[in-house]
């Protein structure tokens, strides 16, 4: 088709400017990224793209329209996996492109109709239903995400946690400027590698082991064994995806239940790290809930009301 692609780490200073060519016609940005939770300034990327006459498309799936507004920050098109936060109930498969450019909208509509990328009426109903509670759910996701992130960061089994609302995130300042809350997505690295990760995943009971995200239920996955298992180990290593990485989508359950479940699972991982019995294969335990634990005080950024 005569198309060429250049990949770069947009969070790295100067990487985007070096990757953009005179022939570049479109820049695709995901922020926060999946699963490494890197955050990039949408305004800065928009300026670099527009300087060479290229369009900027932003994948806004992790933030959702409630927490981030790429069009207001200079993006030309916003992409959403509607299956995730917009749908919100893990029962919908859909994507959406949003633009404020009327002429571009006509072109995209023409392609959609002629290529057959049209959702069913029932899928549209599910998306509409999800949008009606998006604001309420995103506040709950962000509140619970903040509580969980604080506990995970403080646990000795964890080497690093990346969550937009934590001051320790390398791009926390950027997140604070362009996001209205931390959301429910985070990634952390366990010190004990795969054995510790298996122990952690196998000990969970409220949080479910599954590859999706953005639903009302808390879900956890192991990228190296699940979503990114098809990548060669050296490529995963280059991307920062090692055997200790865990991606967590915090749901809207009672925060104390989720925090208690995560804490006892981290304790199980710590036991393996300290030389305990080897962990068996990770399995999905029934989501029975855990009562009686209180969420630890959080130092993360709260949720702001949307300004548009």
C-alpha atoms as a PDB file:
ATOM      1  CA  UNK A   1       0.000   0.000   0.000  1.00  0.00           C
ATOM      2  CA  UNK A   2       3.044   2.253   0.034  1.00  0.00           C
ATOM      3  CA  UNK A   3       2.727   3.048   3.740  1.00  0.00           C
ATOM      4  CA  UNK A   4       5.741   3.420   6.017  1.00  0.00           C
ATOM      5  CA  UNK A   5       5.725   3.460   9.807  1.00  0.00           C
ATOM      6  CA  UNK A   6       8.232   4.814  12.302  1.00  0.00           C
ATOM      7  CA  UNK A   7       8.024   3.805  15.960  1.00  0.00           C
ATOM      8  CA  UNK A   8       9.416   5.832  18.834  1.00  0.00           C
ATOM      9  CA  UNK A   9       9.103   6.312  22.579  1.00  0.00           C
ATOM     10  CA  UNK A  10       7.252   9.626  22.704  1.00  0.00           C
ATOM     11  CA  UNK A  11       7.978   9.969  26.405  1.00  0.00           C
ATOM     12  CA  UNK A  12      11.706  10.185  25.621  1.00  0.00           C
ATOM     13  CA  UNK A  13      12.945  13.762  25.021  1.00  0.00           C
ATOM     14  CA  UNK A  14      13.611  14.445  21.342  1.00  0.00           C
ATOM     15  CA  UNK A  15      12.460  11.019  20.159  1.00  0.00           C
ATOM     16  CA  UNK A  16       9.352  12.288  18.372  1.00  0.00           C
ATOM     17  CA  UNK A  17      11.131  15.115  16.564  1.00  0.00           C
ATOM     18  CA  UNK A  18      13.770  12.652  15.350  1.00  0.00           C
ATOM     19  CA  UNK A  19      11.127  10.194  14.134  1.00  0.00           C
ATOM     20  CA  UNK A  20       8.959  12.677  12.212  1.00  0.00           C
ATOM     21  CA  UNK A  21       9.835  12.814   8.511  1.00  0.00           C
ATOM     22  CA  UNK A  22       8.832  15.308   5.800  1.00  0.00           C
ATOM     23  CA  UNK A  23       6.522  12.585   4.489  1.00  0.00           C
ATOM     24  CA  UNK A  24       4.813  11.966   7.845  1.00  0.00           C
ATOM     25  CA  UNK A  25       1.063  12.398   7.493  1.00  0.00           C
ATOM     26  CA  UNK A  26      -0.254  11.003  10.767  1.00  0.00           C
ATOM     27  CA  UNK A  27       1.077  10.702  14.312  1.00  0.00           C
ATOM     28  CA  UNK A  28      -0.532   8.139  16.613  1.00  0.00           C
ATOM     29  CA  UNK A  29      -0.186   8.725  20.355  1.00  0.00           C
ATOM     30  CA  UNK A  30      -1.380   6.606  23.252  1.00  0.00           C
ATOM     31  CA  UNK A  31      -1.336   8.256  26.677  1.00  0.00           C
ATOM     32  CA  UNK A  32      -1.303   6.684  29.194  1.00  0.00           C
ATOM     33  CA  UNK A  33       0.247   3.727  27.392  1.00  0.00           C
ATOM     34  CA  UNK A  34      -0.696   0.080  27.773  1.00  0.00           C
ATOM     35  CA  UNK A  35       0.803  -1.578  29.777  1.00  0.00           C
ATOM     36  CA  UNK A  36       3.769   0.638  30.687  1.00  0.00           C
ATOM     37  CA  UNK A  37       1.666   3.645  31.802  1.00  0.00           C
ATOM     38  CA  UNK A  38       3.882   6.214  30.081  1.00  0.00           C
ATOM     39  CA  UNK A  39       2.354   9.685  29.820  1.00  0.00           C
ATOM     40  CA  UNK A  40       3.120  12.162  27.044  1.00  0.00           C
ATOM     41  CA  UNK A  41       2.109  15.794  26.595  1.00  0.00           C
ATOM     42  CA  UNK A  42      -0.666  15.872  24.004  1.00  0.00           C
ATOM     43  CA  UNK A  43      -0.095  19.575  23.370  1.00  0.00           C
ATOM     44  CA  UNK A  44       3.602  19.027  22.610  1.00  0.00           C
ATOM     45  CA  UNK A  45       2.938  16.141  20.226  1.00  0.00           C
ATOM     46  CA  UNK A  46       0.177  18.111  18.502  1.00  0.00           C
ATOM     47  CA  UNK A  47       2.569  20.999  17.880  1.00  0.00           C
ATOM     48  CA  UNK A  48       5.234  18.679  16.440  1.00  0.00           C
ATOM     49  CA  UNK A  49       2.731  16.887  14.205  1.00  0.00           C
ATOM     50  CA  UNK A  50       1.070  20.028  12.910  1.00  0.00           C
ATOM     51  CA  UNK A  51       4.460  21.597  12.155  1.00  0.00           C
ATOM     52  CA  UNK A  52       4.858  19.109   9.280  1.00  0.00           C
ATOM     53  CA  UNK A  53       1.190  19.093   8.291  1.00  0.00           C
ATOM     54  CA  UNK A  54       0.416  15.760   9.960  1.00  0.00           C
ATOM     55  CA  UNK A  55      -2.737  14.813  11.822  1.00  0.00           C
ATOM     56  CA  UNK A  56      -2.578  13.733  15.455  1.00  0.00           C
ATOM     57  CA  UNK A  57      -4.670  10.766  16.600  1.00  0.00           C
ATOM     58  CA  UNK A  58      -4.768  10.069  20.344  1.00  0.00           C
ATOM     59  CA  UNK A  59      -5.776   6.741  21.858  1.00  0.00           C
ATOM     60  CA  UNK A  60      -7.665   7.934  24.933  1.00  0.00           C
ATOM     61  CA  UNK A  61      -8.850   4.517  26.114  1.00  0.00           C
ATOM     62  CA  UNK A  62      -7.047   4.423  29.477  1.00  0.00           C
ATOM     63  CA  UNK A  63      -8.152   7.912  30.492  1.00  0.00           C
ATOM     64  CA  UNK A  64     -11.670   7.931  29.011  1.00  0.00           C
ATOM     65  CA  UNK A  65     -13.449  11.129  27.873  1.00  0.00           C
ATOM     66  CA  UNK A  66     -14.202  11.948  31.502  1.00  0.00           C
ATOM     67  CA  UNK A  67     -10.583  12.271  32.596  1.00  0.00           C
ATOM     68  CA  UNK A  68      -8.875  13.597  29.446  1.00  0.00           C
ATOM     69  CA  UNK A  69      -9.942  15.737  26.465  1.00  0.00           C
ATOM     70  CA  UNK A  70      -7.377  15.359  23.657  1.00  0.00           C
ATOM     71  CA  UNK A  71      -9.333  17.481  21.148  1.00  0.00           C
ATOM     72  CA  UNK A  72      -9.080  20.454  23.498  1.00  0.00           C
ATOM     73  CA  UNK A  73      -5.320  19.848  23.706  1.00  0.00           C
ATOM     74  CA  UNK A  74      -4.736  19.924  19.953  1.00  0.00           C
ATOM     75  CA  UNK A  75      -5.534  16.399  18.739  1.00  0.00           C
ATOM     76  CA  UNK A  76      -7.347  16.037  15.419  1.00  0.00           C
ATOM     77  CA  UNK A  77      -8.907  12.643  16.130  1.00  0.00           C
ATOM     78  CA  UNK A  78      -9.505  10.725  19.358  1.00  0.00           C
ATOM     79  CA  UNK A  79      -9.749   6.943  19.421  1.00  0.00           C
ATOM     80  CA  UNK A  80     -11.564   5.003  22.139  1.00  0.00           C
ATOM     81  CA  UNK A  81     -11.879   1.307  22.718  1.00  0.00           C
ATOM     82  CA  UNK A  82     -15.536   1.615  23.683  1.00  0.00           C
ATOM     83  CA  UNK A  83     -15.292  -1.926  25.057  1.00  0.00           C
ATOM     84  CA  UNK A  84     -13.401  -0.534  28.044  1.00  0.00           C
ATOM     85  CA  UNK A  85     -14.422   2.445  30.212  1.00  0.00           C
ATOM     86  CA  UNK A  86     -17.153   3.854  27.965  1.00  0.00           C
ATOM     87  CA  UNK A  87     -19.007   0.528  27.877  1.00  0.00           C
ATOM     88  CA  UNK A  88     -17.880  -0.160  31.415  1.00  0.00           C
ATOM     89  CA  UNK A  89     -19.448  -3.596  31.908  1.00  0.00           C
ATOM     90  CA  UNK A  90     -17.176  -5.983  29.955  1.00  0.00           C
ATOM     91  CA  UNK A  91     -19.995  -6.954  27.597  1.00  0.00           C
ATOM     92  CA  UNK A  92     -19.317  -4.840  24.506  1.00  0.00           C
ATOM     93  CA  UNK A  93     -16.887  -4.959  21.577  1.00  0.00           C
ATOM     94  CA  UNK A  94     -16.654  -1.583  19.829  1.00  0.00           C
ATOM     95  CA  UNK A  95     -14.283   1.201  18.857  1.00  0.00           C
ATOM     96  CA  UNK A  96     -14.940   4.863  18.111  1.00  0.00           C
ATOM     97  CA  UNK A  97     -13.209   7.753  16.370  1.00  0.00           C
ATOM     98  CA  UNK A  98     -14.131  11.285  17.456  1.00  0.00           C
ATOM     99  CA  UNK A  99     -13.166  14.520  15.706  1.00  0.00           C
ATOM    100  CA  UNK A 100     -14.127  18.187  15.777  1.00  0.00           C
ATOM    101  CA  UNK A 101     -13.131  18.577  12.099  1.00  0.00           C
ATOM    102  CA  UNK A 102     -16.350  18.439  10.062  1.00  0.00           C
ATOM    103  CA  UNK A 103     -14.604  17.653   6.766  1.00  0.00           C
ATOM    104  CA  UNK A 104     -12.575  14.869   8.345  1.00  0.00           C
ATOM    105  CA  UNK A 105     -15.720  13.474   9.943  1.00  0.00           C
ATOM    106  CA  UNK A 106     -17.313  13.195   6.488  1.00  0.00           C
ATOM    107  CA  UNK A 107     -14.273  11.281   5.185  1.00  0.00           C
ATOM    108  CA  UNK A 108     -14.280   8.921   8.169  1.00  0.00           C
ATOM    109  CA  UNK A 109     -18.027   8.350   7.838  1.00  0.00           C
ATOM    110  CA  UNK A 110     -17.556   7.505   4.138  1.00  0.00           C
ATOM    111  CA  UNK A 111     -14.913   4.901   5.014  1.00  0.00           C
ATOM    112  CA  UNK A 112     -17.027   3.470   7.820  1.00  0.00           C
ATOM    113  CA  UNK A 113     -20.067   2.963   5.616  1.00  0.00           C
ATOM    114  CA  UNK A 114     -18.179   1.544   2.645  1.00  0.00           C
ATOM    115  CA  UNK A 115     -15.912  -0.736   4.694  1.00  0.00           C
ATOM    116  CA  UNK A 116     -18.754  -2.075   6.825  1.00  0.00           C
ATOM    117  CA  UNK A 117     -17.351  -0.969  10.192  1.00  0.00           C
ATOM    118  CA  UNK A 118     -20.793  -0.285  11.623  1.00  0.00           C
ATOM    119  CA  UNK A 119     -21.859  -1.543  15.071  1.00  0.00           C
ATOM    120  CA  UNK A 120     -25.117  -3.345  15.693  1.00  0.00           C
ATOM    121  CA  UNK A 121     -28.109  -1.543  17.252  1.00  0.00           C
ATOM    122  CA  UNK A 122     -27.700  -3.580  20.438  1.00  0.00           C
ATOM    123  CA  UNK A 123     -24.008  -2.693  20.710  1.00  0.00           C
ATOM    124  CA  UNK A 124     -24.982   0.968  20.333  1.00  0.00           C
ATOM    125  CA  UNK A 125     -27.513   0.517  23.136  1.00  0.00           C
ATOM    126  CA  UNK A 126     -24.813  -0.951  25.386  1.00  0.00           C
ATOM    127  CA  UNK A 127     -22.480   1.972  24.625  1.00  0.00           C
ATOM    128  CA  UNK A 128     -25.269   4.477  25.307  1.00  0.00           C
ATOM    129  CA  UNK A 129     -26.071   2.756  28.576  1.00  0.00           C
ATOM    130  CA  UNK A 130     -22.418   2.926  29.623  1.00  0.00           C
ATOM    131  CA  UNK A 131     -22.094   6.610  28.809  1.00  0.00           C
ATOM    132  CA  UNK A 132     -24.943   7.421  31.179  1.00  0.00           C
ATOM    133  CA  UNK A 133     -22.914   6.257  34.178  1.00  0.00           C
ATOM    134  CA  UNK A 134     -19.409   7.089  32.904  1.00  0.00           C
ATOM    135  CA  UNK A 135     -18.941  10.076  35.216  1.00  0.00           C
ATOM    136  CA  UNK A 136     -20.006   8.179  38.329  1.00  0.00           C
ATOM    137  CA  UNK A 137     -17.861   5.191  37.452  1.00  0.00           C
ATOM    138  CA  UNK A 138     -14.728   7.190  36.649  1.00  0.00           C
ATOM    139  CA  UNK A 139     -14.901   8.972  39.994  1.00  0.00           C
ATOM    140  CA  UNK A 140     -15.119   5.572  41.704  1.00  0.00           C
ATOM    141  CA  UNK A 141     -12.326   4.102  39.550  1.00  0.00           C
ATOM    142  CA  UNK A 142     -10.077   7.042  40.394  1.00  0.00           C
ATOM    143  CA  UNK A 143     -10.865   6.978  44.102  1.00  0.00           C
ATOM    144  CA  UNK A 144     -10.244   3.240  44.357  1.00  0.00           C
ATOM    145  CA  UNK A 145      -7.203   3.462  42.088  1.00  0.00           C
ATOM    146  CA  UNK A 146      -5.668   6.076  44.365  1.00  0.00           C
ATOM    147  CA  UNK A 147      -6.202   3.911  47.447  1.00  0.00           C
ATOM    148  CA  UNK A 148      -4.765   0.795  45.802  1.00  0.00           C
ATOM    149  CA  UNK A 149      -1.779   2.640  44.291  1.00  0.00           C
ATOM    150  CA  UNK A 150      -0.753   3.989  47.690  1.00  0.00           C
ATOM    151  CA  UNK A 151      -0.856   0.518  49.243  1.00  0.00           C
ATOM    152  CA  UNK A 152       0.994  -1.133  46.352  1.00  0.00           C
ATOM    153  CA  UNK A 153       3.736   1.500  46.344  1.00  0.00           C
ATOM    154  CA  UNK A 154       4.353   1.054  50.066  1.00  0.00           C
ATOM    155  CA  UNK A 155       4.568  -2.762  49.970  1.00  0.00           C
ATOM    156  CA  UNK A 156       8.073  -4.307  50.214  1.00  0.00           C
ATOM    157  CA  UNK A 157       7.273  -6.874  47.522  1.00  0.00           C
ATOM    158  CA  UNK A 158       6.933  -4.103  44.928  1.00  0.00           C
ATOM    159  CA  UNK A 159       9.913  -2.631  43.098  1.00  0.00           C
ATOM    160  CA  UNK A 160       8.004   0.127  41.285  1.00  0.00           C
ATOM    161  CA  UNK A 161       4.448   1.226  40.598  1.00  0.00           C
ATOM    162  CA  UNK A 162       3.328   3.551  37.810  1.00  0.00           C
ATOM    163  CA  UNK A 163       0.018   5.318  38.386  1.00  0.00           C
ATOM    164  CA  UNK A 164      -0.733   8.795  36.953  1.00  0.00           C
ATOM    165  CA  UNK A 165      -1.926  10.143  40.294  1.00  0.00           C
ATOM    166  CA  UNK A 166       1.187   9.198  42.234  1.00  0.00           C
ATOM    167  CA  UNK A 167       3.797  11.969  42.661  1.00  0.00           C
ATOM    168  CA  UNK A 168       6.433   9.281  42.046  1.00  0.00           C
ATOM    169  CA  UNK A 169       5.289   8.804  38.433  1.00  0.00           C
ATOM    170  CA  UNK A 170       8.011  10.287  36.166  1.00  0.00           C
ATOM    171  CA  UNK A 171       5.373  12.239  34.223  1.00  0.00           C
ATOM    172  CA  UNK A 172       3.104  13.128  37.134  1.00  0.00           C
ATOM    173  CA  UNK A 173       3.347  16.843  36.273  1.00  0.00           C
ATOM    174  CA  UNK A 174       2.116  16.180  32.724  1.00  0.00           C
ATOM    175  CA  UNK A 175      -0.683  13.974  34.032  1.00  0.00           C
ATOM    176  CA  UNK A 176      -1.757  16.710  36.431  1.00  0.00           C
ATOM    177  CA  UNK A 177      -1.948  19.233  33.584  1.00  0.00           C
ATOM    178  CA  UNK A 178      -3.892  17.153  31.058  1.00  0.00           C
ATOM    179  CA  UNK A 179      -5.837  14.627  33.150  1.00  0.00           C
ATOM    180  CA  UNK A 180      -8.637  15.303  35.613  1.00  0.00           C
ATOM    181  CA  UNK A 181      -7.856  12.291  37.782  1.00  0.00           C
ATOM    182  CA  UNK A 182      -5.629   9.244  38.098  1.00  0.00           C
ATOM    183  CA  UNK A 183      -8.141   6.724  36.775  1.00  0.00           C
ATOM    184  CA  UNK A 184      -8.212   3.028  37.559  1.00  0.00           C
ATOM    185  CA  UNK A 185      -5.233   1.701  35.571  1.00  0.00           C
ATOM    186  CA  UNK A 186      -1.807   1.013  37.032  1.00  0.00           C
ATOM    187  CA  UNK A 187       1.204  -1.185  36.414  1.00  0.00           C
ATOM    188  CA  UNK A 188       3.667  -2.425  38.996  1.00  0.00           C
ATOM    189  CA  UNK A 189       6.753  -4.614  39.109  1.00  0.00           C
ATOM    190  CA  UNK A 190       7.236  -7.311  41.743  1.00  0.00           C
ATOM    191  CA  UNK A 191      10.759  -7.885  43.042  1.00  0.00           C
ATOM    192  CA  UNK A 192      10.631 -11.661  42.743  1.00  0.00           C
ATOM    193  CA  UNK A 193       9.954 -11.954  39.020  1.00  0.00           C
ATOM    194  CA  UNK A 194       7.699 -14.740  37.721  1.00  0.00           C
ATOM    195  CA  UNK A 195       7.536 -16.831  40.929  1.00  0.00           C
ATOM    196  CA  UNK A 196       6.376 -13.799  42.905  1.00  0.00           C
ATOM    197  CA  UNK A 197       3.938 -12.820  40.158  1.00  0.00           C
ATOM    198  CA  UNK A 198       2.416 -16.313  40.145  1.00  0.00           C
ATOM    199  CA  UNK A 199       2.053 -16.185  43.918  1.00  0.00           C
ATOM    200  CA  UNK A 200       0.373 -12.786  43.737  1.00  0.00           C
ATOM    201  CA  UNK A 201      -2.054 -13.746  40.973  1.00  0.00           C
ATOM    202  CA  UNK A 202      -2.910 -17.077  42.557  1.00  0.00           C
ATOM    203  CA  UNK A 203      -3.717 -15.529  45.933  1.00  0.00           C
ATOM    204  CA  UNK A 204      -6.313 -13.037  44.678  1.00  0.00           C
ATOM    205  CA  UNK A 205      -9.989 -13.649  45.384  1.00  0.00           C
ATOM    206  CA  UNK A 206     -11.815 -10.349  44.809  1.00  0.00           C
ATOM    207  CA  UNK A 207      -9.721  -9.273  41.813  1.00  0.00           C
ATOM    208  CA  UNK A 208     -10.196 -11.485  38.732  1.00  0.00           C
ATOM    209  CA  UNK A 209      -7.414 -12.683  36.422  1.00  0.00           C
ATOM    210  CA  UNK A 210      -8.467 -11.535  32.931  1.00  0.00           C
ATOM    211  CA  UNK A 211      -6.996  -9.560  30.042  1.00  0.00           C
ATOM    212  CA  UNK A 212      -9.665  -6.889  29.673  1.00  0.00           C
ATOM    213  CA  UNK A 213      -9.883  -3.585  31.554  1.00  0.00           C
ATOM    214  CA  UNK A 214     -12.110  -0.633  32.319  1.00  0.00           C
ATOM    215  CA  UNK A 215     -15.076  -2.612  33.620  1.00  0.00           C
ATOM    216  CA  UNK A 216     -16.876  -2.250  36.931  1.00  0.00           C
ATOM    217  CA  UNK A 217     -14.978  -5.270  38.271  1.00  0.00           C
ATOM    218  CA  UNK A 218     -11.286  -5.232  39.225  1.00  0.00           C
ATOM    219  CA  UNK A 219      -9.168  -7.211  36.758  1.00  0.00           C
ATOM    220  CA  UNK A 220      -5.485  -8.135  36.784  1.00  0.00           C
ATOM    221  CA  UNK A 221      -3.239  -9.575  34.099  1.00  0.00           C
ATOM    222  CA  UNK A 222       0.372 -10.612  33.577  1.00  0.00           C
ATOM    223  CA  UNK A 223       1.534  -9.026  30.279  1.00  0.00           C
ATOM    224  CA  UNK A 224       4.512 -11.348  29.709  1.00  0.00           C
ATOM    225  CA  UNK A 225       2.293 -14.445  29.976  1.00  0.00           C
ATOM    226  CA  UNK A 226      -0.936 -13.033  28.562  1.00  0.00           C
ATOM    227  CA  UNK A 227      -1.414  -9.906  26.408  1.00  0.00           C
ATOM    228  CA  UNK A 228       2.207  -9.649  25.248  1.00  0.00           C
ATOM    229  CA  UNK A 229       3.181 -13.326  25.308  1.00  0.00           C
ATOM    230  CA  UNK A 230       3.511 -13.397  21.504  1.00  0.00           C
ATOM    231  CA  UNK A 231       6.394 -10.909  21.588  1.00  0.00           C
ATOM    232  CA  UNK A 232       9.932 -12.347  21.694  1.00  0.00           C
ATOM    233  CA  UNK A 233      11.538 -12.005  25.154  1.00  0.00           C
ATOM    234  CA  UNK A 234      14.130  -9.535  23.851  1.00  0.00           C
ATOM    235  CA  UNK A 235      11.385  -7.276  22.468  1.00  0.00           C
ATOM    236  CA  UNK A 236       9.476  -7.430  25.739  1.00  0.00           C
ATOM    237  CA  UNK A 237      12.662  -6.529  27.589  1.00  0.00           C
ATOM    238  CA  UNK A 238      13.195  -3.536  25.304  1.00  0.00           C
ATOM    239  CA  UNK A 239       9.665  -2.361  26.093  1.00  0.00           C
ATOM    240  CA  UNK A 240      10.150  -2.804  29.825  1.00  0.00           C
ATOM    241  CA  UNK A 241       7.792  -5.786  30.035  1.00  0.00           C
ATOM    242  CA  UNK A 242       9.489  -8.318  32.299  1.00  0.00           C
ATOM    243  CA  UNK A 243       8.236 -11.324  34.269  1.00  0.00           C
ATOM    244  CA  UNK A 244       7.610  -9.227  37.367  1.00  0.00           C
ATOM    245  CA  UNK A 245       5.227  -6.799  35.638  1.00  0.00           C
ATOM    246  CA  UNK A 246       1.555  -6.845  36.650  1.00  0.00           C
ATOM    247  CA  UNK A 247      -1.184  -4.673  35.117  1.00  0.00           C
ATOM    248  CA  UNK A 248      -4.160  -3.847  37.309  1.00  0.00           C
ATOM    249  CA  UNK A 249      -7.530  -2.389  36.329  1.00  0.00           C
ATOM    250  CA  UNK A 250      -9.141  -1.247  39.575  1.00  0.00           C
ATOM    251  CA  UNK A 251     -12.923  -1.530  39.552  1.00  0.00           C
ATOM    252  CA  UNK A 252     -15.657   0.195  41.512  1.00  0.00           C
ATOM    253  CA  UNK A 253     -16.098  -2.360  44.279  1.00  0.00           C
ATOM    254  CA  UNK A 254     -15.803  -1.276  47.907  1.00  0.00           C
ATOM    255  CA  UNK A 255     -12.283   0.099  48.210  1.00  0.00           C
ATOM    256  CA  UNK A 256     -11.611  -1.752  51.466  1.00  0.00           C
ATOM    257  CA  UNK A 257     -12.344  -5.099  49.807  1.00  0.00           C
ATOM    258  CA  UNK A 258      -9.994  -4.428  46.897  1.00  0.00           C
ATOM    259  CA  UNK A 259      -7.212  -3.070  49.116  1.00  0.00           C
ATOM    260  CA  UNK A 260      -7.470  -6.051  51.462  1.00  0.00           C
ATOM    261  CA  UNK A 261      -7.325  -8.518  48.578  1.00  0.00           C
ATOM    262  CA  UNK A 262      -4.351  -6.805  46.946  1.00  0.00           C
ATOM    263  CA  UNK A 263      -2.533  -6.580  50.283  1.00  0.00           C
ATOM    264  CA  UNK A 264      -2.864 -10.269  51.147  1.00  0.00           C
ATOM    265  CA  UNK A 265      -1.814 -11.222  47.607  1.00  0.00           C
ATOM    266  CA  UNK A 266       1.261  -9.004  47.869  1.00  0.00           C
ATOM    267  CA  UNK A 267       2.024 -10.674  51.183  1.00  0.00           C
ATOM    268  CA  UNK A 268       1.907 -14.044  49.387  1.00  0.00           C
ATOM    269  CA  UNK A 269       4.350 -12.719  46.801  1.00  0.00           C
ATOM    270  CA  UNK A 270       6.602 -11.422  49.569  1.00  0.00           C
ATOM    271  CA  UNK A 271       6.678 -14.885  51.148  1.00  0.00           C
ATOM    272  CA  UNK A 272       7.991 -16.332  47.888  1.00  0.00           C
ATOM    273  CA  UNK A 273      10.552 -13.550  47.579  1.00  0.00           C
ATOM    274  CA  UNK A 274      11.736 -14.285  51.109  1.00  0.00           C
ATOM    275  CA  UNK A 275      12.240 -17.951  50.267  1.00  0.00           C
ATOM    276  CA  UNK A 276       8.853 -19.486  50.961  1.00  0.00           C
ATOM    277  CA  UNK A 277       7.258 -22.389  49.112  1.00  0.00           C
ATOM    278  CA  UNK A 278       7.227 -22.021  45.306  1.00  0.00           C
ATOM    279  CA  UNK A 279       3.971 -20.699  43.941  1.00  0.00           C
ATOM    280  CA  UNK A 280       1.776 -22.866  41.744  1.00  0.00           C
ATOM    281  CA  UNK A 281       0.230 -21.720  38.468  1.00  0.00           C
ATOM    282  CA  UNK A 282      -1.902 -18.614  38.624  1.00  0.00           C
ATOM    283  CA  UNK A 283      -5.615 -19.333  38.665  1.00  0.00           C
ATOM    284  CA  UNK A 284      -8.730 -17.204  38.832  1.00  0.00           C
ATOM    285  CA  UNK A 285     -10.366 -17.529  42.234  1.00  0.00           C
ATOM    286  CA  UNK A 286     -14.067 -16.841  42.814  1.00  0.00           C
ATOM    287  CA  UNK A 287     -14.773 -13.176  43.532  1.00  0.00           C
ATOM    288  CA  UNK A 288     -16.142 -13.654  47.045  1.00  0.00           C
ATOM    289  CA  UNK A 289     -14.979 -10.362  48.583  1.00  0.00           C
ATOM    290  CA  UNK A 290     -13.020  -9.626  51.718  1.00  0.00           C
ATOM    291  CA  UNK A 291     -14.471  -7.561  54.498  1.00  0.00           C
ATOM    292  CA  UNK A 292     -13.088  -5.630  57.414  1.00  0.00           C
ATOM    293  CA  UNK A 293      -9.946  -3.981  55.958  1.00  0.00           C
ATOM    294  CA  UNK A 294      -9.601  -0.226  55.683  1.00  0.00           C
ATOM    295  CA  UNK A 295      -7.949   1.516  52.778  1.00  0.00           C
ATOM    296  CA  UNK A 296      -4.603   3.130  53.532  1.00  0.00           C
ATOM    297  CA  UNK A 297      -4.425   6.935  53.305  1.00  0.00           C
ATOM    298  CA  UNK A 298      -3.617   8.009  49.780  1.00  0.00           C
ATOM    299  CA  UNK A 299      -1.235  10.706  48.575  1.00  0.00           C
ATOM    300  CA  UNK A 300      -2.475  10.621  45.008  1.00  0.00           C
ATOM    301  CA  UNK A 301      -4.246  13.242  42.974  1.00  0.00           C
ATOM    302  CA  UNK A 302      -8.034  13.261  43.276  1.00  0.00           C
ATOM    303  CA  UNK A 303     -10.652  13.689  40.565  1.00  0.00           C
ATOM    304  CA  UNK A 304     -11.440  17.081  39.104  1.00  0.00           C
ATOM    305  CA  UNK A 305     -14.782  17.889  37.553  1.00  0.00           C
ATOM    306  CA  UNK A 306     -14.671  18.037  33.740  1.00  0.00           C
ATOM    307  CA  UNK A 307     -14.300  21.556  32.403  1.00  0.00           C
ATOM    308  CA  UNK A 308     -16.143  20.846  29.165  1.00  0.00           C
END
